[in-house]
Amino acid sequence: MTTLLYELAVDSWADTDSIDILSSTNSRIASFPLAFVERGGDNTWRYVLDVVNQLVYPIPDQPGVITNTKGEPVNLADAPLKGSYRYEQLGSTAEPAFSRGPEYFTRFRAPNPEGSFSTRSDSKRSSTNQVGSSRAAVLR
């Protein structure tokens, strides 16, 4: 299977600092543009942890935590600061395994890097017709 490479969001926001989440072996799990998190509506560590928890397979009864450089868990209600942080699943010494992410209609086919032109995803046409027929039914 071909490996696809995507532009990182942190590269798109090149004019901002970042929040880097690493594993215990310094593998990058995620990089968040700090400005994106600050302006996104939920400027908390809880948001960052929720996103990271979606990127890795959960281990039952071993919740994920983000720790600072001193090994102390961050306060989930606080606003994140730029820098590198660690993610670990409590009680596990294993590297977090990445989840597969959302699936589409074809499980083992990579997405088209040039985009898709499927009518299945073009909901404008079908929803316009539905709205039009709904209005006509109300007017009768």
N, C-alpha and C. Protein backbone atom coordinates (compact mmCIF):
# COMPACT_ATOMS: atom_id res chain seq x y z
N MET A 1 0.84 -1.17 0.00
CA MET A 1 0.00 0.00 0.00
C MET A 1 0.89 1.24 0.00
N THR A 2 0.55 2.24 -0.77
CA THR A 2 1.34 3.46 -0.89
C THR A 2 1.17 4.33 0.35
N THR A 3 2.25 4.91 0.79
CA THR A 3 2.20 5.83 1.91
C THR A 3 1.97 7.23 1.38
N LEU A 4 0.94 7.89 1.90
CA LEU A 4 0.66 9.26 1.50
C LEU A 4 1.20 10.21 2.54
N LEU A 5 1.73 11.31 2.10
CA LEU A 5 2.23 12.32 3.00
C LEU A 5 1.36 13.55 2.87
N TYR A 6 0.96 14.11 4.00
CA TYR A 6 0.10 15.28 4.02
C TYR A 6 0.86 16.46 4.62
N GLU A 7 0.51 17.64 4.18
CA GLU A 7 1.09 18.84 4.77
C GLU A 7 0.58 18.95 6.20
N LEU A 8 1.46 19.21 7.12
CA LEU A 8 1.08 19.36 8.52
C LEU A 8 0.43 20.72 8.74
N ALA A 9 -0.58 20.75 9.60
CA ALA A 9 -1.25 22.01 9.91
C ALA A 9 -0.27 23.02 10.46
N VAL A 10 0.70 22.56 11.24
CA VAL A 10 1.67 23.48 11.83
C VAL A 10 2.51 24.15 10.74
N ASP A 11 2.69 23.49 9.59
CA ASP A 11 3.42 24.10 8.47
C ASP A 11 2.56 25.14 7.77
N SER A 12 1.26 24.94 7.75
CA SER A 12 0.35 25.92 7.14
C SER A 12 0.27 27.21 7.96
N TRP A 13 0.48 27.08 9.25
CA TRP A 13 0.45 28.23 10.16
C TRP A 13 1.90 28.57 10.53
N ALA A 14 2.73 28.79 9.56
CA ALA A 14 4.17 28.96 9.78
C ALA A 14 4.52 30.17 10.64
N ASP A 15 3.63 31.12 10.76
CA ASP A 15 3.94 32.33 11.51
C ASP A 15 3.56 32.22 12.99
N THR A 16 3.38 31.02 13.50
CA THR A 16 2.98 30.85 14.89
C THR A 16 3.86 29.81 15.58
N ASP A 17 3.88 29.87 16.89
CA ASP A 17 4.57 28.85 17.68
C ASP A 17 3.72 27.59 17.66
N SER A 18 4.29 26.50 18.19
CA SER A 18 3.54 25.25 18.16
C SER A 18 3.57 24.55 19.51
N ILE A 19 2.62 23.65 19.65
CA ILE A 19 2.53 22.74 20.79
C ILE A 19 2.86 21.37 20.20
N ASP A 20 3.97 20.79 20.59
CA ASP A 20 4.39 19.50 20.05
C ASP A 20 4.16 18.42 21.10
N ILE A 21 3.45 17.39 20.69
CA ILE A 21 3.16 16.27 21.58
C ILE A 21 3.99 15.09 21.12
N LEU A 22 4.85 14.59 22.00
CA LEU A 22 5.77 13.50 21.69
C LEU A 22 5.48 12.29 22.55
N SER A 23 5.90 11.13 22.07
CA SER A 23 5.81 9.92 22.88
C SER A 23 7.03 9.85 23.80
N SER A 24 7.07 8.82 24.61
CA SER A 24 8.20 8.67 25.53
C SER A 24 9.52 8.42 24.79
N THR A 25 9.45 8.00 23.52
CA THR A 25 10.66 7.78 22.73
C THR A 25 10.89 8.91 21.72
N ASN A 26 10.27 10.04 21.96
CA ASN A 26 10.41 11.24 21.13
C ASN A 26 9.80 11.13 19.73
N SER A 27 8.91 10.18 19.50
CA SER A 27 8.17 10.13 18.24
C SER A 27 7.09 11.20 18.29
N ARG A 28 6.97 11.96 17.20
CA ARG A 28 5.95 13.01 17.20
C ARG A 28 4.58 12.38 17.00
N ILE A 29 3.67 12.72 17.91
CA ILE A 29 2.29 12.28 17.81
C ILE A 29 1.46 13.36 17.14
N ALA A 30 1.68 14.61 17.54
CA ALA A 30 0.91 15.72 16.97
C ALA A 30 1.65 17.03 17.17
N SER A 31 1.39 17.97 16.28
CA SER A 31 1.88 19.35 16.42
C SER A 31 0.68 20.26 16.17
N PHE A 32 0.41 21.12 17.12
CA PHE A 32 -0.71 22.04 17.02
C PHE A 32 -0.18 23.46 16.85
N PRO A 33 -0.63 24.18 15.84
CA PRO A 33 -0.27 25.60 15.77
C PRO A 33 -0.91 26.30 16.97
N LEU A 34 -0.11 26.98 17.76
CA LEU A 34 -0.62 27.62 18.97
C LEU A 34 -1.73 28.61 18.64
N ALA A 35 -1.57 29.40 17.58
CA ALA A 35 -2.60 30.38 17.21
C ALA A 35 -3.92 29.69 16.87
N PHE A 36 -3.86 28.52 16.24
CA PHE A 36 -5.08 27.77 15.92
C PHE A 36 -5.82 27.38 17.19
N VAL A 37 -5.09 26.86 18.16
CA VAL A 37 -5.71 26.44 19.42
C VAL A 37 -6.27 27.66 20.15
N GLU A 38 -5.50 28.75 20.16
CA GLU A 38 -5.94 29.96 20.87
C GLU A 38 -7.22 30.54 20.27
N ARG A 39 -7.35 30.48 18.95
CA ARG A 39 -8.50 31.09 18.28
C ARG A 39 -9.63 30.11 17.99
N GLY A 40 -9.43 28.85 18.29
CA GLY A 40 -10.38 27.82 17.88
C GLY A 40 -11.62 27.67 18.73
N GLY A 41 -11.74 28.39 19.82
CA GLY A 41 -12.94 28.30 20.63
C GLY A 41 -12.79 27.47 21.88
N ASP A 42 -11.75 26.65 21.98
CA ASP A 42 -11.51 25.85 23.18
C ASP A 42 -10.01 25.86 23.45
N ASN A 43 -9.54 26.94 24.02
CA ASN A 43 -8.12 27.15 24.26
C ASN A 43 -7.71 26.49 25.58
N THR A 44 -7.82 25.15 25.62
CA THR A 44 -7.47 24.42 26.84
C THR A 44 -6.65 23.18 26.49
N TRP A 45 -5.95 22.67 27.50
CA TRP A 45 -5.24 21.41 27.34
C TRP A 45 -6.24 20.27 27.14
N ARG A 46 -7.44 20.41 27.67
CA ARG A 46 -8.46 19.37 27.48
C ARG A 46 -8.72 19.14 25.99
N TYR A 47 -8.82 20.24 25.22
CA TYR A 47 -9.01 20.12 23.78
C TYR A 47 -7.83 19.36 23.14
N VAL A 48 -6.62 19.76 23.49
CA VAL A 48 -5.42 19.12 22.92
C VAL A 48 -5.42 17.63 23.26
N LEU A 49 -5.71 17.30 24.51
CA LEU A 49 -5.73 15.89 24.92
C LEU A 49 -6.83 15.13 24.19
N ASP A 50 -8.00 15.73 24.02
CA ASP A 50 -9.08 15.06 23.29
C ASP A 50 -8.67 14.73 21.86
N VAL A 51 -8.00 15.66 21.20
CA VAL A 51 -7.55 15.41 19.83
C VAL A 51 -6.49 14.30 19.82
N VAL A 52 -5.53 14.36 20.71
CA VAL A 52 -4.48 13.34 20.76
C VAL A 52 -5.10 11.97 21.04
N ASN A 53 -6.09 11.93 21.93
CA ASN A 53 -6.75 10.65 22.23
C ASN A 53 -7.47 10.07 21.01
N GLN A 54 -7.84 10.92 20.06
CA GLN A 54 -8.46 10.44 18.82
C GLN A 54 -7.42 9.92 17.84
N LEU A 55 -6.18 10.33 18.02
CA LEU A 55 -5.12 9.93 17.10
C LEU A 55 -4.50 8.58 17.45
N VAL A 56 -4.68 8.14 18.68
CA VAL A 56 -4.07 6.88 19.12
C VAL A 56 -5.17 5.91 19.58
N TYR A 57 -4.84 4.63 19.52
CA TYR A 57 -5.78 3.63 20.02
C TYR A 57 -5.84 3.74 21.54
N PRO A 58 -7.04 3.82 22.09
CA PRO A 58 -7.15 3.87 23.55
C PRO A 58 -6.83 2.50 24.16
N ILE A 59 -6.28 2.52 25.33
CA ILE A 59 -6.07 1.29 26.10
C ILE A 59 -7.06 1.36 27.25
N PRO A 60 -7.98 0.40 27.34
CA PRO A 60 -8.98 0.43 28.41
C PRO A 60 -8.33 0.56 29.79
N ASP A 61 -8.91 1.42 30.60
CA ASP A 61 -8.46 1.67 31.98
C ASP A 61 -7.06 2.25 32.07
N GLN A 62 -6.53 2.78 30.96
CA GLN A 62 -5.23 3.44 30.97
C GLN A 62 -5.36 4.76 30.22
N PRO A 63 -5.93 5.77 30.89
CA PRO A 63 -6.19 7.04 30.19
C PRO A 63 -4.90 7.73 29.76
N GLY A 64 -5.02 8.51 28.71
CA GLY A 64 -3.89 9.28 28.22
C GLY A 64 -3.72 10.56 29.01
N VAL A 65 -2.47 10.95 29.21
CA VAL A 65 -2.15 12.21 29.89
C VAL A 65 -1.04 12.92 29.12
N ILE A 66 -1.06 14.24 29.23
CA ILE A 66 0.01 15.06 28.66
C ILE A 66 0.80 15.62 29.83
N THR A 67 2.13 15.48 29.75
CA THR A 67 2.98 15.97 30.83
C THR A 67 3.95 17.01 30.31
N ASN A 68 4.37 17.90 31.20
CA ASN A 68 5.36 18.92 30.84
C ASN A 68 6.76 18.34 30.94
N THR A 69 7.77 19.18 30.76
CA THR A 69 9.16 18.70 30.75
C THR A 69 9.61 18.16 32.11
N LYS A 70 8.90 18.51 33.17
CA LYS A 70 9.22 17.99 34.50
C LYS A 70 8.50 16.68 34.80
N GLY A 71 7.67 16.21 33.84
CA GLY A 71 6.92 14.98 34.04
C GLY A 71 5.62 15.17 34.78
N GLU A 72 5.21 16.43 34.99
CA GLU A 72 3.97 16.73 35.70
C GLU A 72 2.81 16.84 34.71
N PRO A 73 1.66 16.24 35.02
CA PRO A 73 0.52 16.38 34.12
C PRO A 73 0.09 17.84 34.01
N VAL A 74 -0.26 18.25 32.79
CA VAL A 74 -0.75 19.62 32.60
C VAL A 74 -2.15 19.72 33.20
N ASN A 75 -2.53 20.92 33.59
CA ASN A 75 -3.88 21.18 34.09
C ASN A 75 -4.79 21.32 32.88
N LEU A 76 -5.75 20.43 32.73
CA LEU A 76 -6.58 20.40 31.53
C LEU A 76 -7.42 21.65 31.33
N ALA A 77 -7.64 22.42 32.38
CA ALA A 77 -8.44 23.65 32.26
C ALA A 77 -7.58 24.84 31.82
N ASP A 78 -6.27 24.70 31.90
CA ASP A 78 -5.38 25.81 31.53
C ASP A 78 -5.23 25.95 30.03
N ALA A 79 -4.85 27.15 29.60
CA ALA A 79 -4.53 27.39 28.19
C ALA A 79 -3.15 26.79 27.90
N PRO A 80 -3.00 26.11 26.78
CA PRO A 80 -1.70 25.53 26.43
C PRO A 80 -0.66 26.61 26.13
N LEU A 81 0.58 26.27 26.37
CA LEU A 81 1.71 27.13 26.04
C LEU A 81 2.56 26.43 25.00
N LYS A 82 3.31 27.22 24.23
CA LYS A 82 4.18 26.63 23.21
C LYS A 82 5.22 25.73 23.88
N GLY A 83 5.69 24.75 23.13
CA GLY A 83 6.72 23.88 23.65
C GLY A 83 6.47 22.43 23.32
N SER A 84 7.35 21.58 23.84
CA SER A 84 7.23 20.14 23.64
C SER A 84 6.72 19.48 24.92
N TYR A 85 5.81 18.55 24.74
CA TYR A 85 5.17 17.86 25.86
C TYR A 85 5.14 16.37 25.54
N ARG A 86 4.95 15.57 26.56
CA ARG A 86 4.89 14.12 26.40
C ARG A 86 3.45 13.64 26.55
N TYR A 87 3.13 12.59 25.80
CA TYR A 87 1.85 11.90 25.94
C TYR A 87 2.13 10.47 26.35
N GLU A 88 1.41 10.00 27.33
CA GLU A 88 1.53 8.60 27.73
C GLU A 88 0.17 8.09 28.16
N GLN A 89 0.02 6.80 28.08
CA GLN A 89 -1.19 6.16 28.57
C GLN A 89 -0.83 5.54 29.91
N LEU A 90 -1.46 6.04 30.97
CA LEU A 90 -1.11 5.63 32.33
C LEU A 90 -1.11 4.12 32.48
N GLY A 91 -0.06 3.60 33.11
CA GLY A 91 0.05 2.17 33.35
C GLY A 91 0.63 1.39 32.19
N SER A 92 0.96 2.07 31.08
CA SER A 92 1.52 1.37 29.92
C SER A 92 2.89 1.96 29.60
N THR A 93 3.82 1.09 29.29
CA THR A 93 5.14 1.55 28.88
C THR A 93 5.29 1.47 27.36
N ALA A 94 4.26 0.96 26.69
CA ALA A 94 4.32 0.80 25.23
C ALA A 94 4.12 2.14 24.54
N GLU A 95 4.69 2.24 23.35
CA GLU A 95 4.48 3.40 22.48
C GLU A 95 3.00 3.44 22.10
N PRO A 96 2.37 4.61 22.09
CA PRO A 96 0.98 4.66 21.64
C PRO A 96 0.89 4.24 20.16
N ALA A 97 -0.12 3.47 19.84
CA ALA A 97 -0.34 3.04 18.46
C ALA A 97 -1.34 4.00 17.81
N PHE A 98 -1.02 4.44 16.60
CA PHE A 98 -1.90 5.37 15.90
C PHE A 98 -3.18 4.67 15.45
N SER A 99 -4.30 5.37 15.61
CA SER A 99 -5.57 4.83 15.13
C SER A 99 -5.64 5.02 13.63
N ARG A 100 -6.54 4.29 12.98
CA ARG A 100 -6.66 4.35 11.52
C ARG A 100 -7.34 5.62 11.06
N GLY A 101 -8.16 6.21 11.86
CA GLY A 101 -8.88 7.41 11.44
C GLY A 101 -10.18 7.05 10.79
N PRO A 102 -10.89 8.05 10.29
CA PRO A 102 -12.20 7.78 9.70
C PRO A 102 -12.08 6.95 8.43
N GLU A 103 -13.04 6.11 8.23
CA GLU A 103 -13.09 5.26 7.03
C GLU A 103 -14.11 5.82 6.06
N TYR A 104 -13.90 5.57 4.81
CA TYR A 104 -14.85 5.98 3.79
C TYR A 104 -15.49 4.71 3.23
N PHE A 105 -15.85 4.68 2.00
CA PHE A 105 -16.55 3.55 1.42
C PHE A 105 -15.62 2.44 0.98
N THR A 106 -14.36 2.75 0.78
CA THR A 106 -13.40 1.74 0.38
C THR A 106 -12.29 1.70 1.41
N ARG A 107 -12.27 0.67 2.17
CA ARG A 107 -11.41 0.57 3.33
C ARG A 107 -9.92 0.59 3.02
N PHE A 108 -9.49 -0.07 1.97
CA PHE A 108 -8.06 -0.21 1.74
C PHE A 108 -7.53 0.64 0.60
N ARG A 109 -8.31 1.57 0.12
CA ARG A 109 -7.84 2.45 -0.95
C ARG A 109 -7.50 3.81 -0.36
N ALA A 110 -6.32 4.29 -0.66
CA ALA A 110 -5.89 5.60 -0.16
C ALA A 110 -6.75 6.70 -0.79
N PRO A 111 -6.97 7.82 -0.07
CA PRO A 111 -7.73 8.92 -0.66
C PRO A 111 -6.99 9.54 -1.83
N ASN A 112 -7.73 10.08 -2.76
CA ASN A 112 -7.15 10.73 -3.93
C ASN A 112 -6.55 12.07 -3.48
N PRO A 113 -5.23 12.26 -3.61
CA PRO A 113 -4.61 13.50 -3.14
C PRO A 113 -5.08 14.73 -3.91
N GLU A 114 -5.68 14.55 -5.08
CA GLU A 114 -6.18 15.67 -5.86
C GLU A 114 -7.63 15.98 -5.55
N GLY A 115 -8.21 15.26 -4.62
CA GLY A 115 -9.59 15.49 -4.24
C GLY A 115 -10.54 14.54 -4.94
N SER A 116 -11.77 14.56 -4.49
CA SER A 116 -12.77 13.68 -5.04
C SER A 116 -13.88 14.49 -5.67
N PHE A 117 -14.43 13.97 -6.74
CA PHE A 117 -15.53 14.66 -7.41
C PHE A 117 -16.77 13.79 -7.40
N SER A 118 -16.90 12.97 -6.40
CA SER A 118 -18.03 12.06 -6.29
C SER A 118 -19.31 12.83 -6.04
N THR A 119 -20.39 12.40 -6.67
CA THR A 119 -21.68 13.03 -6.38
C THR A 119 -22.18 12.62 -5.01
N ARG A 120 -21.62 11.55 -4.47
CA ARG A 120 -22.00 11.11 -3.13
C ARG A 120 -21.67 12.18 -2.09
N SER A 121 -20.57 12.92 -2.31
CA SER A 121 -20.19 13.95 -1.36
C SER A 121 -20.72 15.32 -1.75
N ASP A 122 -21.33 15.43 -2.91
CA ASP A 122 -21.87 16.70 -3.36
C ASP A 122 -23.32 16.80 -2.92
N SER A 123 -23.53 17.15 -1.66
CA SER A 123 -24.87 17.14 -1.10
C SER A 123 -25.69 18.35 -1.52
N LYS A 124 -25.07 19.35 -2.15
CA LYS A 124 -25.82 20.55 -2.55
C LYS A 124 -26.95 20.19 -3.50
N ARG A 125 -26.66 19.35 -4.48
CA ARG A 125 -27.68 19.04 -5.48
C ARG A 125 -28.86 18.33 -4.86
N SER A 126 -28.62 17.31 -4.08
CA SER A 126 -29.75 16.56 -3.53
C SER A 126 -30.48 17.36 -2.47
N SER A 127 -29.77 18.15 -1.66
CA SER A 127 -30.46 18.91 -0.61
C SER A 127 -31.27 20.05 -1.20
N THR A 128 -30.81 20.63 -2.31
CA THR A 128 -31.57 21.69 -2.96
C THR A 128 -32.89 21.14 -3.47
N ASN A 129 -32.85 19.96 -4.06
CA ASN A 129 -34.08 19.35 -4.56
C ASN A 129 -35.01 18.99 -3.42
N GLN A 130 -34.46 18.54 -2.30
CA GLN A 130 -35.29 18.18 -1.16
C GLN A 130 -35.95 19.42 -0.58
N VAL A 131 -35.20 20.52 -0.47
CA VAL A 131 -35.77 21.76 0.06
C VAL A 131 -36.87 22.25 -0.85
N GLY A 132 -36.62 22.22 -2.17
CA GLY A 132 -37.61 22.68 -3.13
C GLY A 132 -38.88 21.86 -3.03
N SER A 133 -38.78 20.54 -2.94
CA SER A 133 -39.97 19.70 -2.87
C SER A 133 -40.66 19.86 -1.52
N SER A 134 -39.91 20.12 -0.46
CA SER A 134 -40.52 20.35 0.85
C SER A 134 -41.32 21.64 0.85
N ARG A 135 -40.78 22.67 0.25
CA ARG A 135 -41.50 23.95 0.17
C ARG A 135 -42.76 23.80 -0.65
N ALA A 136 -42.67 23.07 -1.75
CA ALA A 136 -43.85 22.86 -2.59
C ALA A 136 -44.93 22.12 -1.82
N ALA A 137 -44.52 21.14 -1.00
CA ALA A 137 -45.50 20.39 -0.23
C ALA A 137 -46.18 21.27 0.82
N VAL A 138 -45.45 22.20 1.41
CA VAL A 138 -46.02 23.11 2.41
C VAL A 138 -47.00 24.08 1.75
N LEU A 139 -46.69 24.54 0.54
CA LEU A 139 -47.53 25.50 -0.14
C LEU A 139 -48.83 24.90 -0.64
N ARG A 140 -48.89 23.60 -0.81
CA ARG A 140 -50.11 22.97 -1.34
C ARG A 140 -51.22 22.99 -0.37
